[in-house]
Amino acid sequence: MRKKLHIKKGDIVYVISGESKGQQGRVLDVMTKTAKALVEGVNIVSKHTKPNAKNPQGGILKKEAPVNISNLMVVDPSSGKPTRIGRKLNDKNKLVRYSKTSGEEIK
């Protein structure tokens, strides 16, 4: 059984540690098996590629590498600052994520 993660695809996240500390970006993909996320514009690495049909020139490509989820915090939609995430039942008896700082529901 996998642990439920506090980050979903499409969230705006803040990097709290590592080489990209302080950067923000949108989550492009979440890898639940490895507990990593691909964040737009964060943890950019150089990938050397041979010429192929897709890229006839070859060369060095810049692309995002996965970041461990423990190094990411969801950004609060109301204040724009990083916040911890909680889960609670809403009025329709559905489990929703909410911001611990403002108490506001996160879509």
PDB file of N, CA and C in Angstrom:
ATOM      1  N   MET A   1       0.838  -1.188   0.000  1.00  0.00           N
ATOM      2  CA  MET A   1       0.000   0.000   0.000  1.00  0.00           C
ATOM      3  C   MET A   1       0.879   1.247   0.000  1.00  0.00           C
ATOM      4  N   ARG A   2       0.574   2.194  -0.894  1.00  0.00           N
ATOM      5  CA  ARG A   2       1.347   3.429  -0.980  1.00  0.00           C
ATOM      6  C   ARG A   2       0.785   4.479  -0.043  1.00  0.00           C
ATOM      7  N   LYS A   3       1.677   5.328   0.449  1.00  0.00           N
ATOM      8  CA  LYS A   3       1.274   6.423   1.317  1.00  0.00           C
ATOM      9  C   LYS A   3       0.593   7.504   0.484  1.00  0.00           C
ATOM     10  N   LYS A   4      -0.464   8.124   1.001  1.00  0.00           N
ATOM     11  CA  LYS A   4      -1.156   9.183   0.296  1.00  0.00           C
ATOM     12  C   LYS A   4      -0.296  10.440   0.328  1.00  0.00           C
ATOM     13  N   LEU A   5      -0.121  11.069  -0.809  1.00  0.00           N
ATOM     14  CA  LEU A   5       0.757  12.223  -0.924  1.00  0.00           C
ATOM     15  C   LEU A   5      -0.032  13.524  -0.803  1.00  0.00           C
ATOM     16  N   HIS A   6       0.639  14.581  -0.359  1.00  0.00           N
ATOM     17  CA  HIS A   6      -0.018  15.873  -0.157  1.00  0.00           C
ATOM     18  C   HIS A   6       0.015  16.751  -1.404  1.00  0.00           C
ATOM     19  N   ILE A   7       0.617  16.250  -2.477  1.00  0.00           N
ATOM     20  CA  ILE A   7       0.762  17.030  -3.704  1.00  0.00           C
ATOM     21  C   ILE A   7       0.057  16.314  -4.846  1.00  0.00           C
ATOM     22  N   LYS A   8      -0.637  17.098  -5.675  1.00  0.00           N
ATOM     23  CA  LYS A   8      -1.320  16.550  -6.846  1.00  0.00           C
ATOM     24  C   LYS A   8      -0.832  17.262  -8.100  1.00  0.00           C
ATOM     25  N   LYS A   9      -1.077  16.655  -9.234  1.00  0.00           N
ATOM     26  CA  LYS A   9      -0.740  17.248 -10.521  1.00  0.00           C
ATOM     27  C   LYS A   9      -1.525  18.552 -10.676  1.00  0.00           C
ATOM     28  N   GLY A  10      -0.822  19.612 -11.090  1.00  0.00           N
ATOM     29  CA  GLY A  10      -1.475  20.903 -11.286  1.00  0.00           C
ATOM     30  C   GLY A  10      -1.309  21.869 -10.133  1.00  0.00           C
ATOM     31  N   ASP A  11      -0.846  21.394  -8.960  1.00  0.00           N
ATOM     32  CA  ASP A  11      -0.623  22.267  -7.810  1.00  0.00           C
ATOM     33  C   ASP A  11       0.546  23.214  -8.068  1.00  0.00           C
ATOM     34  N   ILE A  12       0.496  24.397  -7.459  1.00  0.00           N
ATOM     35  CA  ILE A  12       1.642  25.300  -7.452  1.00  0.00           C
ATOM     36  C   ILE A  12       2.410  24.967  -6.175  1.00  0.00           C
ATOM     37  N   VAL A  13       3.705  24.654  -6.315  1.00  0.00           N
ATOM     38  CA  VAL A  13       4.504  24.246  -5.161  1.00  0.00           C
ATOM     39  C   VAL A  13       5.734  25.131  -5.003  1.00  0.00           C
ATOM     40  N   TYR A  14       6.267  25.142  -3.789  1.00  0.00           N
ATOM     41  CA  TYR A  14       7.453  25.901  -3.405  1.00  0.00           C
ATOM     42  C   TYR A  14       8.518  24.899  -2.979  1.00  0.00           C
ATOM     43  N   VAL A  15       9.752  25.050  -3.459  1.00  0.00           N
ATOM     44  CA  VAL A  15      10.846  24.130  -3.119  1.00  0.00           C
ATOM     45  C   VAL A  15      11.494  24.617  -1.830  1.00  0.00           C
ATOM     46  N   ILE A  16      11.513  23.760  -0.776  1.00  0.00           N
ATOM     47  CA  ILE A  16      12.028  24.178   0.530  1.00  0.00           C
ATOM     48  C   ILE A  16      13.467  23.768   0.781  1.00  0.00           C
ATOM     49  N   SER A  17      14.029  22.853  -0.037  1.00  0.00           N
ATOM     50  CA  SER A  17      15.429  22.482   0.141  1.00  0.00           C
ATOM     51  C   SER A  17      16.001  21.931  -1.148  1.00  0.00           C
ATOM     52  N   GLY A  18      17.312  21.894  -1.211  1.00  0.00           N
ATOM     53  CA  GLY A  18      17.990  21.395  -2.396  1.00  0.00           C
ATOM     54  C   GLY A  18      18.557  22.538  -3.223  1.00  0.00           C
ATOM     55  N   GLU A  19      19.057  22.200  -4.400  1.00  0.00           N
ATOM     56  CA  GLU A  19      19.702  23.186  -5.267  1.00  0.00           C
ATOM     57  C   GLU A  19      18.723  24.235  -5.786  1.00  0.00           C
ATOM     58  N   SER A  20      17.455  23.873  -5.937  1.00  0.00           N
ATOM     59  CA  SER A  20      16.431  24.785  -6.457  1.00  0.00           C
ATOM     60  C   SER A  20      15.636  25.457  -5.342  1.00  0.00           C
ATOM     61  N   LYS A  21      16.193  25.534  -4.137  1.00  0.00           N
ATOM     62  CA  LYS A  21      15.489  26.093  -2.981  1.00  0.00           C
ATOM     63  C   LYS A  21      14.990  27.509  -3.275  1.00  0.00           C
ATOM     64  N   GLY A  22      13.723  27.769  -2.910  1.00  0.00           N
ATOM     65  CA  GLY A  22      13.141  29.089  -3.092  1.00  0.00           C
ATOM     66  C   GLY A  22      12.369  29.259  -4.384  1.00  0.00           C
ATOM     67  N   GLN A  23      12.449  28.296  -5.295  1.00  0.00           N
ATOM     68  CA  GLN A  23      11.736  28.421  -6.567  1.00  0.00           C
ATOM     69  C   GLN A  23      10.314  27.884  -6.454  1.00  0.00           C
ATOM     70  N   GLN A  24       9.439  28.389  -7.316  1.00  0.00           N
ATOM     71  CA  GLN A  24       8.056  27.928  -7.383  1.00  0.00           C
ATOM     72  C   GLN A  24       7.766  27.409  -8.774  1.00  0.00           C
ATOM     73  N   GLY A  25       6.817  26.499  -8.876  1.00  0.00           N
ATOM     74  CA  GLY A  25       6.419  25.987 -10.179  1.00  0.00           C
ATOM     75  C   GLY A  25       5.186  25.115 -10.081  1.00  0.00           C
ATOM     76  N   ARG A  26       4.623  24.787 -11.235  1.00  0.00           N
ATOM     77  CA  ARG A  26       3.435  23.936 -11.310  1.00  0.00           C
ATOM     78  C   ARG A  26       3.871  22.479 -11.442  1.00  0.00           C
ATOM     79  N   VAL A  27       3.184  21.587 -10.742  1.00  0.00           N
ATOM     80  CA  VAL A  27       3.495  20.153 -10.793  1.00  0.00           C
ATOM     81  C   VAL A  27       2.992  19.590 -12.118  1.00  0.00           C
ATOM     82  N   LEU A  28       3.902  18.994 -12.903  1.00  0.00           N
ATOM     83  CA  LEU A  28       3.559  18.410 -14.189  1.00  0.00           C
ATOM     84  C   LEU A  28       3.186  16.938 -14.063  1.00  0.00           C
ATOM     85  N   ASP A  29       3.843  16.237 -13.119  1.00  0.00           N
ATOM     86  CA  ASP A  29       3.605  14.802 -12.957  1.00  0.00           C
ATOM     87  C   ASP A  29       4.006  14.389 -11.553  1.00  0.00           C
ATOM     88  N   VAL A  30       3.291  13.435 -10.975  1.00  0.00           N
ATOM     89  CA  VAL A  30       3.625  12.893  -9.655  1.00  0.00           C
ATOM     90  C   VAL A  30       3.894  11.402  -9.812  1.00  0.00           C
ATOM     91  N   MET A  31       5.084  10.971  -9.356  1.00  0.00           N
ATOM     92  CA  MET A  31       5.451   9.555  -9.406  1.00  0.00           C
ATOM     93  C   MET A  31       5.241   8.974  -8.008  1.00  0.00           C
ATOM     94  N   THR A  32       4.135   8.253  -7.821  1.00  0.00           N
ATOM     95  CA  THR A  32       3.773   7.777  -6.488  1.00  0.00           C
ATOM     96  C   THR A  32       4.687   6.668  -5.991  1.00  0.00           C
ATOM     97  N   LYS A  33       5.208   5.845  -6.888  1.00  0.00           N
ATOM     98  CA  LYS A  33       6.077   4.741  -6.461  1.00  0.00           C
ATOM     99  C   LYS A  33       7.371   5.245  -5.840  1.00  0.00           C
ATOM    100  N   THR A  34       7.946   6.292  -6.449  1.00  0.00           N
ATOM    101  CA  THR A  34       9.227   6.815  -5.973  1.00  0.00           C
ATOM    102  C   THR A  34       9.068   8.048  -5.092  1.00  0.00           C
ATOM    103  N   ALA A  35       7.843   8.536  -4.898  1.00  0.00           N
ATOM    104  CA  ALA A  35       7.535   9.741  -4.109  1.00  0.00           C
ATOM    105  C   ALA A  35       8.294  10.953  -4.636  1.00  0.00           C
ATOM    106  N   LYS A  36       8.218  11.139  -5.972  1.00  0.00           N
ATOM    107  CA  LYS A  36       8.873  12.284  -6.609  1.00  0.00           C
ATOM    108  C   LYS A  36       7.868  13.008  -7.491  1.00  0.00           C
ATOM    109  N   ALA A  37       8.170  14.275  -7.770  1.00  0.00           N
ATOM    110  CA  ALA A  37       7.302  15.075  -8.622  1.00  0.00           C
ATOM    111  C   ALA A  37       8.135  15.833  -9.639  1.00  0.00           C
ATOM    112  N   LEU A  38       7.582  16.021 -10.810  1.00  0.00           N
ATOM    113  CA  LEU A  38       8.211  16.798 -11.867  1.00  0.00           C
ATOM    114  C   LEU A  38       7.589  18.189 -11.811  1.00  0.00           C
ATOM    115  N   VAL A  39       8.418  19.212 -11.551  1.00  0.00           N
ATOM    116  CA  VAL A  39       7.922  20.570 -11.374  1.00  0.00           C
ATOM    117  C   VAL A  39       8.456  21.454 -12.497  1.00  0.00           C
ATOM    118  N   GLU A  40       7.549  22.233 -13.084  1.00  0.00           N
ATOM    119  CA  GLU A  40       7.879  23.092 -14.220  1.00  0.00           C
ATOM    120  C   GLU A  40       8.911  24.154 -13.831  1.00  0.00           C
ATOM    121  N   GLY A  41      10.055  24.165 -14.531  1.00  0.00           N
ATOM    122  CA  GLY A  41      11.078  25.177 -14.312  1.00  0.00           C
ATOM    123  C   GLY A  41      11.959  24.969 -13.097  1.00  0.00           C
ATOM    124  N   VAL A  42      11.861  23.814 -12.439  1.00  0.00           N
ATOM    125  CA  VAL A  42      12.632  23.534 -11.224  1.00  0.00           C
ATOM    126  C   VAL A  42      13.512  22.314 -11.455  1.00  0.00           C
ATOM    127  N   ASN A  43      14.726  22.323 -10.887  1.00  0.00           N
ATOM    128  CA  ASN A  43      15.676  21.209 -10.984  1.00  0.00           C
ATOM    129  C   ASN A  43      16.011  20.908 -12.446  1.00  0.00           C
ATOM    130  N   ILE A  44      16.449  21.935 -13.164  1.00  0.00           N
ATOM    131  CA  ILE A  44      16.803  21.804 -14.578  1.00  0.00           C
ATOM    132  C   ILE A  44      18.159  21.109 -14.703  1.00  0.00           C
ATOM    133  N   VAL A  45      18.213  20.056 -15.536  1.00  0.00           N
ATOM    134  CA  VAL A  45      19.445  19.321 -15.769  1.00  0.00           C
ATOM    135  C   VAL A  45      19.761  19.333 -17.259  1.00  0.00           C
ATOM    136  N   SER A  46      21.039  19.111 -17.604  1.00  0.00           N
ATOM    137  CA  SER A  46      21.465  19.036 -19.000  1.00  0.00           C
ATOM    138  C   SER A  46      21.489  17.575 -19.424  1.00  0.00           C
ATOM    139  N   LYS A  47      20.787  17.263 -20.504  1.00  0.00           N
ATOM    140  CA  LYS A  47      20.749  15.898 -21.011  1.00  0.00           C
ATOM    141  C   LYS A  47      21.419  15.886 -22.382  1.00  0.00           C
ATOM    142  N   HIS A  48      22.453  15.068 -22.540  1.00  0.00           N
ATOM    143  CA  HIS A  48      23.174  14.961 -23.800  1.00  0.00           C
ATOM    144  C   HIS A  48      22.468  13.937 -24.678  1.00  0.00           C
ATOM    145  N   THR A  49      22.136  14.335 -25.896  1.00  0.00           N
ATOM    146  CA  THR A  49      21.405  13.437 -26.790  1.00  0.00           C
ATOM    147  C   THR A  49      22.148  13.252 -28.109  1.00  0.00           C
ATOM    148  N   LYS A  50      22.062  12.035 -28.633  1.00  0.00           N
ATOM    149  CA  LYS A  50      22.606  11.734 -29.956  1.00  0.00           C
ATOM    150  C   LYS A  50      21.595  12.216 -31.002  1.00  0.00           C
ATOM    151  N   PRO A  51      22.036  12.493 -32.200  1.00  0.00           N
ATOM    152  CA  PRO A  51      21.081  12.842 -33.259  1.00  0.00           C
ATOM    153  C   PRO A  51      20.137  11.665 -33.529  1.00  0.00           C
ATOM    154  N   ASN A  52      18.855  11.949 -33.656  1.00  0.00           N
ATOM    155  CA  ASN A  52      17.858  10.926 -33.975  1.00  0.00           C
ATOM    156  C   ASN A  52      16.762  11.566 -34.829  1.00  0.00           C
ATOM    157  N   ALA A  53      15.728  10.789 -35.158  1.00  0.00           N
ATOM    158  CA  ALA A  53      14.660  11.294 -36.021  1.00  0.00           C
ATOM    159  C   ALA A  53      13.924  12.474 -35.389  1.00  0.00           C
ATOM    160  N   LYS A  54      13.722  12.420 -34.086  1.00  0.00           N
ATOM    161  CA  LYS A  54      13.003  13.482 -33.382  1.00  0.00           C
ATOM    162  C   LYS A  54      13.860  14.745 -33.270  1.00  0.00           C
ATOM    163  N   ASN A  55      15.157  14.551 -33.011  1.00  0.00           N
ATOM    164  CA  ASN A  55      16.084  15.670 -32.845  1.00  0.00           C
ATOM    165  C   ASN A  55      17.297  15.429 -33.747  1.00  0.00           C
ATOM    166  N   PRO A  56      17.228  15.826 -35.032  1.00  0.00           N
ATOM    167  CA  PRO A  56      18.309  15.505 -35.970  1.00  0.00           C
ATOM    168  C   PRO A  56      19.643  16.176 -35.636  1.00  0.00           C
ATOM    169  N   GLN A  57      19.601  17.295 -34.931  1.00  0.00           N
ATOM    170  CA  GLN A  57      20.827  17.998 -34.579  1.00  0.00           C
ATOM    171  C   GLN A  57      21.556  17.326 -33.414  1.00  0.00           C
ATOM    172  N   GLY A  58      20.809  16.756 -32.459  1.00  0.00           N
ATOM    173  CA  GLY A  58      21.431  16.205 -31.253  1.00  0.00           C
ATOM    174  C   GLY A  58      21.865  17.335 -30.347  1.00  0.00           C
ATOM    175  N   GLY A  59      22.785  17.081 -29.433  1.00  0.00           N
ATOM    176  CA  GLY A  59      23.331  18.134 -28.577  1.00  0.00           C
ATOM    177  C   GLY A  59      22.852  18.049 -27.144  1.00  0.00           C
ATOM    178  N   ILE A  60      22.893  19.186 -26.460  1.00  0.00           N
ATOM    179  CA  ILE A  60      22.549  19.248 -25.040  1.00  0.00           C
ATOM    180  C   ILE A  60      21.160  19.860 -24.880  1.00  0.00           C
ATOM    181  N   LEU A  61      20.264  19.127 -24.228  1.00  0.00           N
ATOM    182  CA  LEU A  61      18.910  19.606 -23.948  1.00  0.00           C
ATOM    183  C   LEU A  61      18.780  19.930 -22.466  1.00  0.00           C
ATOM    184  N   LYS A  62      18.070  20.990 -22.145  1.00  0.00           N
ATOM    185  CA  LYS A  62      17.768  21.326 -20.751  1.00  0.00           C
ATOM    186  C   LYS A  62      16.362  20.813 -20.458  1.00  0.00           C
ATOM    187  N   LYS A  63      16.219  20.037 -19.378  1.00  0.00           N
ATOM    188  CA  LYS A  63      14.901  19.524 -19.016  1.00  0.00           C
ATOM    189  C   LYS A  63      14.785  19.386 -17.508  1.00  0.00           C
ATOM    190  N   GLU A  64      13.549  19.273 -17.019  1.00  0.00           N
ATOM    191  CA  GLU A  64      13.300  19.145 -15.585  1.00  0.00           C
ATOM    192  C   GLU A  64      13.564  17.711 -15.127  1.00  0.00           C
ATOM    193  N   ALA A  65      14.146  17.591 -13.942  1.00  0.00           N
ATOM    194  CA  ALA A  65      14.347  16.280 -13.322  1.00  0.00           C
ATOM    195  C   ALA A  65      13.402  16.194 -12.122  1.00  0.00           C
ATOM    196  N   PRO A  66      13.013  14.986 -11.717  1.00  0.00           N
ATOM    197  CA  PRO A  66      12.094  14.845 -10.580  1.00  0.00           C
ATOM    198  C   PRO A  66      12.700  15.349  -9.268  1.00  0.00           C
ATOM    199  N   VAL A  67      11.832  15.887  -8.411  1.00  0.00           N
ATOM    200  CA  VAL A  67      12.210  16.387  -7.087  1.00  0.00           C
ATOM    201  C   VAL A  67      11.470  15.538  -6.063  1.00  0.00           C
ATOM    202  N   ASN A  68      12.145  15.197  -4.958  1.00  0.00           N
ATOM    203  CA  ASN A  68      11.492  14.427  -3.910  1.00  0.00           C
ATOM    204  C   ASN A  68      10.350  15.246  -3.305  1.00  0.00           C
ATOM    205  N   ILE A  69       9.232  14.600  -3.047  1.00  0.00           N
ATOM    206  CA  ILE A  69       8.042  15.291  -2.553  1.00  0.00           C
ATOM    207  C   ILE A  69       8.265  15.894  -1.172  1.00  0.00           C
ATOM    208  N   SER A  70       9.190  15.324  -0.392  1.00  0.00           N
ATOM    209  CA  SER A  70       9.462  15.875   0.934  1.00  0.00           C
ATOM    210  C   SER A  70      10.105  17.256   0.851  1.00  0.00           C
ATOM    211  N   ASN A  71      10.629  17.633  -0.323  1.00  0.00           N
ATOM    212  CA  ASN A  71      11.256  18.943  -0.513  1.00  0.00           C
ATOM    213  C   ASN A  71      10.295  19.976  -1.083  1.00  0.00           C
ATOM    214  N   LEU A  72       9.013  19.648  -1.178  1.00  0.00           N
ATOM    215  CA  LEU A  72       8.026  20.546  -1.774  1.00  0.00           C
ATOM    216  C   LEU A  72       6.920  20.881  -0.781  1.00  0.00           C
ATOM    217  N   MET A  73       6.421  22.126  -0.853  1.00  0.00           N
ATOM    218  CA  MET A  73       5.264  22.558  -0.077  1.00  0.00           C
ATOM    219  C   MET A  73       4.266  23.199  -1.026  1.00  0.00           C
ATOM    220  N   VAL A  74       2.992  22.936  -0.809  1.00  0.00           N
ATOM    221  CA  VAL A  74       1.942  23.533  -1.631  1.00  0.00           C
ATOM    222  C   VAL A  74       1.818  25.012  -1.264  1.00  0.00           C
ATOM    223  N   VAL A  75       1.623  25.858  -2.282  1.00  0.00           N
ATOM    224  CA  VAL A  75       1.462  27.294  -2.057  1.00  0.00           C
ATOM    225  C   VAL A  75      -0.017  27.576  -1.781  1.00  0.00           C
ATOM    226  N   ASP A  76      -0.279  28.335  -0.702  1.00  0.00           N
ATOM    227  CA  ASP A  76      -1.638  28.710  -0.302  1.00  0.00           C
ATOM    228  C   ASP A  76      -2.243  29.628  -1.364  1.00  0.00           C
ATOM    229  N   PRO A  77      -3.434  29.296  -1.888  1.00  0.00           N
ATOM    230  CA  PRO A  77      -4.014  30.114  -2.953  1.00  0.00           C
ATOM    231  C   PRO A  77      -4.364  31.541  -2.519  1.00  0.00           C
ATOM    232  N   SER A  78      -4.686  31.749  -1.257  1.00  0.00           N
ATOM    233  CA  SER A  78      -5.089  33.087  -0.818  1.00  0.00           C
ATOM    234  C   SER A  78      -3.901  33.993  -0.520  1.00  0.00           C
ATOM    235  N   SER A  79      -2.875  33.473   0.181  1.00  0.00           N
ATOM    236  CA  SER A  79      -1.747  34.327   0.583  1.00  0.00           C
ATOM    237  C   SER A  79      -0.554  34.230  -0.367  1.00  0.00           C
ATOM    238  N   GLY A  80      -0.460  33.157  -1.123  1.00  0.00           N
ATOM    239  CA  GLY A  80       0.673  32.979  -2.032  1.00  0.00           C
ATOM    240  C   GLY A  80       1.932  32.503  -1.332  1.00  0.00           C
ATOM    241  N   LYS A  81       1.805  32.062  -0.075  1.00  0.00           N
ATOM    242  CA  LYS A  81       2.945  31.567   0.692  1.00  0.00           C
ATOM    243  C   LYS A  81       2.831  30.053   0.864  1.00  0.00           C
ATOM    244  N   PRO A  82       3.969  29.363   1.096  1.00  0.00           N
ATOM    245  CA  PRO A  82       3.910  27.911   1.300  1.00  0.00           C
ATOM    246  C   PRO A  82       3.148  27.560   2.581  1.00  0.00           C
ATOM    247  N   THR A  83       2.437  26.447   2.539  1.00  0.00           N
ATOM    248  CA  THR A  83       1.638  26.029   3.691  1.00  0.00           C
ATOM    249  C   THR A  83       1.634  24.515   3.812  1.00  0.00           C
ATOM    250  N   ARG A  84       1.359  24.053   5.024  1.00  0.00           N
ATOM    251  CA  ARG A  84       1.161  22.619   5.223  1.00  0.00           C
ATOM    252  C   ARG A  84      -0.260  22.268   4.809  1.00  0.00           C
ATOM    253  N   ILE A  85      -0.488  21.003   4.544  1.00  0.00           N
ATOM    254  CA  ILE A  85      -1.776  20.543   4.040  1.00  0.00           C
ATOM    255  C   ILE A  85      -2.425  19.610   5.049  1.00  0.00           C
ATOM    256  N   GLY A  86      -3.724  19.770   5.234  1.00  0.00           N
ATOM    257  CA  GLY A  86      -4.497  18.864   6.075  1.00  0.00           C
ATOM    258  C   GLY A  86      -5.648  18.300   5.253  1.00  0.00           C
ATOM    259  N   ARG A  87      -6.334  17.296   5.795  1.00  0.00           N
ATOM    260  CA  ARG A  87      -7.504  16.729   5.133  1.00  0.00           C
ATOM    261  C   ARG A  87      -8.671  16.753   6.112  1.00  0.00           C
ATOM    262  N   LYS A  88      -9.841  17.113   5.602  1.00  0.00           N
ATOM    263  CA  LYS A  88     -11.044  17.115   6.433  1.00  0.00           C
ATOM    264  C   LYS A  88     -12.255  16.835   5.565  1.00  0.00           C
ATOM    265  N   LEU A  89     -13.347  16.445   6.210  1.00  0.00           N
ATOM    266  CA  LEU A  89     -14.594  16.209   5.491  1.00  0.00           C
ATOM    267  C   LEU A  89     -15.305  17.537   5.301  1.00  0.00           C
ATOM    268  N   ASN A  90     -15.782  17.799   4.078  1.00  0.00           N
ATOM    269  CA  ASN A  90     -16.532  19.029   3.857  1.00  0.00           C
ATOM    270  C   ASN A  90     -18.012  18.784   4.101  1.00  0.00           C
ATOM    271  N   ASP A  91     -18.849  19.771   3.803  1.00  0.00           N
ATOM    272  CA  ASP A  91     -20.287  19.654   4.078  1.00  0.00           C
ATOM    273  C   ASP A  91     -20.970  18.559   3.252  1.00  0.00           C
ATOM    274  N   LYS A  92     -20.362  18.124   2.159  1.00  0.00           N
ATOM    275  CA  LYS A  92     -20.932  17.053   1.333  1.00  0.00           C
ATOM    276  C   LYS A  92     -20.325  15.695   1.673  1.00  0.00           C
ATOM    277  N   ASN A  93     -19.700  15.566   2.848  1.00  0.00           N
ATOM    278  CA  ASN A  93     -19.042  14.338   3.309  1.00  0.00           C
ATOM    279  C   ASN A  93     -17.991  13.831   2.326  1.00  0.00           C
ATOM    280  N   LYS A  94     -17.242  14.757   1.739  1.00  0.00           N
ATOM    281  CA  LYS A  94     -16.157  14.412   0.828  1.00  0.00           C
ATOM    282  C   LYS A  94     -14.852  14.883   1.450  1.00  0.00           C
ATOM    283  N   LEU A  95     -13.802  14.041   1.379  1.00  0.00           N
ATOM    284  CA  LEU A  95     -12.511  14.385   1.954  1.00  0.00           C
ATOM    285  C   LEU A  95     -11.812  15.385   1.036  1.00  0.00           C
ATOM    286  N   VAL A  96     -11.468  16.551   1.590  1.00  0.00           N
ATOM    287  CA  VAL A  96     -10.826  17.600   0.802  1.00  0.00           C
ATOM    288  C   VAL A  96      -9.544  18.052   1.491  1.00  0.00           C
ATOM    289  N   ARG A  97      -8.623  18.615   0.692  1.00  0.00           N
ATOM    290  CA  ARG A  97      -7.386  19.166   1.243  1.00  0.00           C
ATOM    291  C   ARG A  97      -7.635  20.620   1.628  1.00  0.00           C
ATOM    292  N   TYR A  98      -7.007  21.043   2.731  1.00  0.00           N
ATOM    293  CA  TYR A  98      -7.140  22.439   3.135  1.00  0.00           C
ATOM    294  C   TYR A  98      -5.800  22.963   3.621  1.00  0.00           C
ATOM    295  N   SER A  99      -5.661  24.286   3.566  1.00  0.00           N
ATOM    296  CA  SER A  99      -4.443  24.951   3.999  1.00  0.00           C
ATOM    297  C   SER A  99      -4.450  25.078   5.511  1.00  0.00           C
ATOM    298  N   LYS A 100      -3.338  24.694   6.154  1.00  0.00           N
ATOM    299  CA  LYS A 100      -3.250  24.773   7.613  1.00  0.00           C
ATOM    300  C   LYS A 100      -3.138  26.223   8.090  1.00  0.00           C
ATOM    301  N   THR A 101      -2.593  27.132   7.265  1.00  0.00           N
ATOM    302  CA  THR A 101      -2.411  28.512   7.691  1.00  0.00           C
ATOM    303  C   THR A 101      -3.719  29.311   7.599  1.00  0.00           C
ATOM    304  N   SER A 102      -4.423  29.207   6.468  1.00  0.00           N
ATOM    305  CA  SER A 102      -5.637  30.006   6.303  1.00  0.00           C
ATOM    306  C   SER A 102      -6.917  29.202   6.542  1.00  0.00           C
ATOM    307  N   GLY A 103      -6.828  27.873   6.509  1.00  0.00           N
ATOM    308  CA  GLY A 103      -8.013  27.036   6.681  1.00  0.00           C
ATOM    309  C   GLY A 103      -8.842  26.929   5.410  1.00  0.00           C
ATOM    310  N   GLU A 104      -8.360  27.539   4.329  1.00  0.00           N
ATOM    311  CA  GLU A 104      -9.100  27.544   3.068  1.00  0.00           C
ATOM    312  C   GLU A 104      -8.922  26.223   2.328  1.00  0.00           C
ATOM    313  N   GLU A 105      -9.987  25.798   1.638  1.00  0.00           N
ATOM    314  CA  GLU A 105      -9.964  24.552   0.872  1.00  0.00           C
ATOM    315  C   GLU A 105      -9.088  24.707  -0.366  1.00  0.00           C
ATOM    316  N   ILE A 106      -8.308  23.679  -0.699  1.00  0.00           N
ATOM    317  CA  ILE A 106      -7.434  23.700  -1.871  1.00  0.00           C
ATOM    318  C   ILE A 106      -8.058  22.823  -2.942  1.00  0.00           C
ATOM    319  N   LYS A 107      -8.282  23.403  -4.101  1.00  0.00           N
ATOM    320  CA  LYS A 107      -8.908  22.676  -5.214  1.00  0.00           C
ATOM    321  C   LYS A 107      -7.900  21.823  -5.943  1.00  0.00           C
TER     322      LYS A 107
END
